[in-house]
Amino acid sequence: MASMLASAALATLKITVGLRGHSTAVVSDGFESAGDVLASGLVLFGLLIAARPPDKEHPYGHGRFEILTALAVGAMLTATGVIISWRSLELARGHEHAPAVWAIWPLIISIVVKSAGAMAKRYYGLKIRSAALVADASNDSVDVLSATTALVALGFSLWKPVRFAISDHFGGFAVGLIVMVLGLRVVRDTISQLMDTMPDAQHMSQIRHAALSVPGALG
């Protein structure tokens, strides 16, 4: 819930400043943050459903629903990345406006806030073994990368506005690609869980060790 509030505030700040400061990279990163609000909302909904106790129709509980929400987050991120990249390329063909220097501040704030969010979500996601929360932590980690990419692209445009004016638009395109790759990775990981893919060798070794420590267990 804290993440959703932070993402909403960052999205509003980046889109507003990006539009007024004529920065495609900042606006693109703002829409990416807006998508985070929906992504975190899906994760929260999934956790609430997954926490329900077993019932007559679901004797093994509702834990799979949490994995389904992680899959939905991945699909949504992929679609968001495609839209951001396509829109950035469209703007690159249009009239160039030199971005304003003060457009960098929302990106710097975003890097700090999202770094803290990623560490907190990953810590609790691993602690409670939540696929959706870990997926959302990865989403925040990529937010840091996308904001840094946008910052670099904007920096080039501010450094030499005439020579690198278009780099701001390509920064927006790069942000979209980063989001797209993350979305596809989350989709791949969640499908692997839904298909009951076996854990890696290290986890399997831990499972065998735990099982064989029980008196009477033969294998």
Protein backbone atom coordinates (compact mmCIF):
# COMPACT_ATOMS: atom_id res chain seq x y z
CA MET A 1 0.00 0.00 0.00
CA ALA A 2 2.90 2.35 0.77
CA SER A 3 4.39 1.42 -2.61
CA MET A 4 1.13 2.27 -4.39
CA LEU A 5 0.98 5.71 -2.76
CA ALA A 6 4.63 6.38 -3.60
CA SER A 7 4.20 5.25 -7.23
CA ALA A 8 1.09 7.40 -7.65
CA ALA A 9 2.91 10.46 -6.32
CA LEU A 10 5.97 9.78 -8.52
CA ALA A 11 3.82 9.21 -11.61
CA THR A 12 1.98 12.50 -11.09
CA LEU A 13 5.23 14.37 -10.47
CA LYS A 14 7.11 12.89 -13.46
CA ILE A 15 4.28 13.26 -15.98
CA THR A 16 3.55 16.85 -14.91
CA VAL A 17 7.19 17.93 -14.86
CA GLY A 18 7.98 15.96 -18.02
CA LEU A 19 5.19 17.64 -19.99
CA ARG A 20 6.08 21.11 -18.77
CA GLY A 21 9.80 20.50 -19.20
CA HIS A 22 9.38 18.95 -22.70
CA SER A 23 11.08 15.68 -21.74
CA THR A 24 9.83 12.47 -23.39
CA ALA A 25 12.10 10.34 -21.18
CA VAL A 26 10.63 11.78 -17.97
CA VAL A 27 7.03 11.43 -19.21
CA SER A 28 7.72 7.82 -20.28
CA ASP A 29 9.13 7.01 -16.85
CA GLY A 30 6.06 8.68 -15.34
CA PHE A 31 3.71 6.37 -17.22
CA GLU A 32 5.86 3.45 -16.11
CA SER A 33 5.31 4.56 -12.50
CA ALA A 34 1.57 4.85 -13.16
CA GLY A 35 1.62 1.22 -14.29
CA ASP A 36 3.32 0.34 -11.00
CA VAL A 37 0.22 1.50 -9.12
CA LEU A 38 -1.90 -1.06 -10.97
CA ALA A 39 0.81 -3.73 -10.66
CA SER A 40 1.09 -3.28 -6.88
CA GLY A 41 -2.71 -3.24 -6.64
CA LEU A 42 -2.84 -6.61 -8.39
CA VAL A 43 -0.18 -7.97 -6.02
CA LEU A 44 -2.11 -6.74 -2.97
CA PHE A 45 -5.34 -8.29 -4.27
CA GLY A 46 -3.54 -11.57 -4.97
CA LEU A 47 -2.00 -11.69 -1.49
CA LEU A 48 -5.39 -11.09 0.14
CA ILE A 49 -7.02 -13.93 -1.84
CA ALA A 50 -4.04 -16.27 -1.40
CA ALA A 51 -4.15 -15.79 2.39
CA ARG A 52 -7.65 -17.28 2.64
CA PRO A 53 -7.77 -20.64 4.46
CA PRO A 54 -8.62 -23.90 2.63
CA ASP A 55 -12.29 -24.59 2.00
CA LYS A 56 -14.44 -27.33 0.46
CA GLU A 57 -13.74 -26.21 -3.13
CA HIS A 58 -10.05 -25.44 -2.49
CA PRO A 59 -8.70 -28.05 -0.03
CA TYR A 60 -5.09 -26.99 -0.73
CA GLY A 61 -5.80 -23.31 -0.09
CA HIS A 62 -5.76 -20.35 -2.48
CA GLY A 63 -1.99 -19.89 -2.90
CA ARG A 64 -2.07 -20.36 -6.68
CA PHE A 65 -4.10 -17.18 -7.08
CA GLU A 66 -1.07 -15.21 -5.91
CA ILE A 67 0.97 -16.71 -8.76
CA LEU A 68 -1.79 -15.79 -11.22
CA THR A 69 -1.59 -12.16 -10.12
CA ALA A 70 2.18 -12.24 -10.69
CA LEU A 71 1.46 -13.49 -14.23
CA ALA A 72 -1.00 -10.61 -14.72
CA VAL A 73 1.66 -8.14 -13.53
CA GLY A 74 4.12 -9.54 -16.09
CA ALA A 75 1.61 -9.29 -18.94
CA MET A 76 0.67 -5.74 -17.95
CA LEU A 77 4.33 -4.66 -17.79
CA THR A 78 5.01 -6.13 -21.24
CA ALA A 79 2.07 -4.22 -22.75
CA THR A 80 3.12 -1.00 -20.97
CA GLY A 81 6.67 -1.32 -22.34
CA VAL A 82 5.40 -1.75 -25.91
CA ILE A 83 3.17 1.35 -25.64
CA ILE A 84 5.93 3.51 -24.10
CA SER A 85 8.48 2.52 -26.78
CA TRP A 86 6.03 3.04 -29.65
CA ARG A 87 4.93 6.46 -28.36
CA SER A 88 8.53 7.60 -27.82
CA LEU A 89 9.46 6.74 -31.41
CA GLU A 90 6.41 8.63 -32.63
CA LEU A 91 7.49 11.74 -30.72
CA ALA A 92 11.05 11.41 -32.08
CA ARG A 93 9.69 12.20 -35.56
CA GLY A 94 8.06 15.43 -34.42
CA HIS A 95 9.29 18.90 -33.56
CA GLU A 96 12.15 19.01 -31.06
CA HIS A 97 11.91 20.97 -27.81
CA ALA A 98 14.96 21.39 -25.59
CA PRO A 99 14.14 19.80 -22.20
CA ALA A 100 14.27 21.98 -19.08
CA VAL A 101 17.10 21.43 -16.58
CA TRP A 102 14.71 21.05 -13.64
CA ALA A 103 13.15 17.98 -15.29
CA ILE A 104 15.94 15.85 -13.78
CA TRP A 105 14.68 16.16 -10.18
CA PRO A 106 11.69 13.76 -10.42
CA LEU A 107 14.05 11.11 -11.80
CA ILE A 108 16.53 11.50 -8.94
CA ILE A 109 13.70 11.31 -6.38
CA SER A 110 12.33 8.22 -8.15
CA ILE A 111 15.70 6.44 -8.01
CA VAL A 112 15.93 6.96 -4.23
CA VAL A 113 12.31 6.00 -3.45
CA LYS A 114 12.21 2.97 -5.75
CA SER A 115 15.53 1.63 -4.45
CA ALA A 116 14.09 1.61 -0.93
CA GLY A 117 10.86 0.01 -2.18
CA ALA A 118 12.69 -2.74 -4.07
CA MET A 119 14.77 -3.72 -1.03
CA ALA A 120 11.74 -3.78 1.29
CA LYS A 121 9.56 -5.84 -1.08
CA ARG A 122 12.32 -8.32 -1.86
CA TYR A 123 13.05 -8.80 1.86
CA TYR A 124 9.41 -9.49 2.77
CA GLY A 125 8.73 -11.39 -0.47
CA LEU A 126 11.53 -13.86 0.26
CA LYS A 127 10.56 -14.03 3.92
CA ILE A 128 6.94 -15.06 3.22
CA ARG A 129 7.82 -16.82 -0.09
CA SER A 130 5.54 -14.62 -2.17
CA ALA A 131 6.10 -14.86 -5.94
CA ALA A 132 3.97 -11.78 -6.57
CA LEU A 133 5.79 -9.62 -4.02
CA VAL A 134 9.20 -10.69 -5.35
CA ALA A 135 7.95 -9.91 -8.88
CA ASP A 136 6.89 -6.46 -7.68
CA ALA A 137 10.33 -6.00 -6.09
CA SER A 138 11.90 -6.77 -9.48
CA ASN A 139 9.53 -4.23 -10.98
CA ASP A 140 10.85 -1.58 -8.57
CA SER A 141 14.44 -2.57 -9.36
CA VAL A 142 13.77 -2.02 -13.04
CA ASP A 143 12.16 1.32 -12.15
CA VAL A 144 15.55 2.37 -10.79
CA LEU A 145 17.20 1.24 -14.03
CA SER A 146 14.58 2.97 -16.21
CA ALA A 147 14.84 6.22 -14.23
CA THR A 148 18.64 6.09 -14.52
CA THR A 149 18.34 5.49 -18.28
CA ALA A 150 15.96 8.42 -18.60
CA LEU A 151 18.34 10.57 -16.53
CA VAL A 152 21.30 9.73 -18.79
CA ALA A 153 19.28 10.45 -21.95
CA LEU A 154 18.01 13.72 -20.51
CA GLY A 155 21.55 14.61 -19.47
CA PHE A 156 22.79 14.28 -23.05
CA SER A 157 19.96 16.51 -24.29
CA LEU A 158 20.83 19.15 -21.69
CA TRP A 159 24.56 18.88 -22.34
CA LYS A 160 24.33 19.55 -26.10
CA PRO A 161 20.72 20.45 -27.00
CA VAL A 162 21.39 20.80 -30.73
CA ARG A 163 23.46 17.67 -31.24
CA PHE A 164 21.67 15.34 -28.80
CA ALA A 165 18.13 16.75 -28.84
CA ILE A 166 16.67 13.43 -30.01
CA SER A 167 18.42 11.43 -27.27
CA ASP A 168 15.64 12.36 -24.84
CA HIS A 169 13.11 10.53 -27.08
CA PHE A 170 15.42 7.54 -27.42
CA GLY A 171 15.67 7.54 -23.63
CA GLY A 172 11.90 7.11 -23.49
CA PHE A 173 12.17 4.28 -26.02
CA ALA A 174 14.86 2.58 -23.88
CA VAL A 175 12.65 2.87 -20.79
CA GLY A 176 9.90 1.03 -22.70
CA LEU A 177 12.30 -1.75 -23.73
CA ILE A 178 13.47 -2.21 -20.14
CA VAL A 179 9.89 -2.51 -18.90
CA MET A 180 9.07 -4.95 -21.71
CA VAL A 181 12.00 -7.24 -20.87
CA LEU A 182 11.05 -7.28 -17.18
CA GLY A 183 7.45 -8.14 -18.04
CA LEU A 184 8.50 -11.06 -20.24
CA ARG A 185 10.83 -12.35 -17.52
CA VAL A 186 8.06 -12.25 -14.89
CA VAL A 187 5.69 -14.07 -17.30
CA ARG A 188 8.33 -16.77 -17.88
CA ASP A 189 8.99 -17.27 -14.16
CA THR A 190 5.31 -17.43 -13.17
CA ILE A 191 4.44 -19.84 -15.99
CA SER A 192 7.27 -22.05 -14.73
CA GLN A 193 5.66 -22.10 -11.27
CA LEU A 194 2.17 -22.80 -12.64
CA MET A 195 3.61 -25.72 -14.64
CA ASP A 196 5.13 -27.15 -11.42
CA THR A 197 8.69 -26.97 -12.78
CA MET A 198 11.14 -28.65 -10.39
CA PRO A 199 13.30 -26.39 -8.16
CA ASP A 200 17.01 -25.99 -8.81
CA ALA A 201 19.54 -28.57 -7.54
CA GLN A 202 20.36 -26.61 -4.37
CA HIS A 203 16.72 -26.44 -3.25
CA MET A 204 16.17 -30.09 -4.12
CA SER A 205 19.18 -31.01 -1.97
CA GLN A 206 17.73 -29.06 0.97
CA ILE A 207 14.36 -30.81 0.53
CA ARG A 208 16.00 -34.25 0.47
CA HIS A 209 18.09 -33.42 3.53
CA ALA A 210 14.99 -32.31 5.46
CA ALA A 211 13.05 -35.41 4.42
CA LEU A 212 15.83 -37.86 5.28
CA SER A 213 16.27 -36.27 8.72
CA VAL A 214 12.85 -37.66 9.70
CA PRO A 215 13.25 -40.99 11.58
CA GLY A 216 12.07 -43.88 9.40
CA ALA A 217 12.26 -42.00 6.09
CA LEU A 218 13.99 -44.12 3.44
CA GLY A 219 13.89 -41.63 0.50
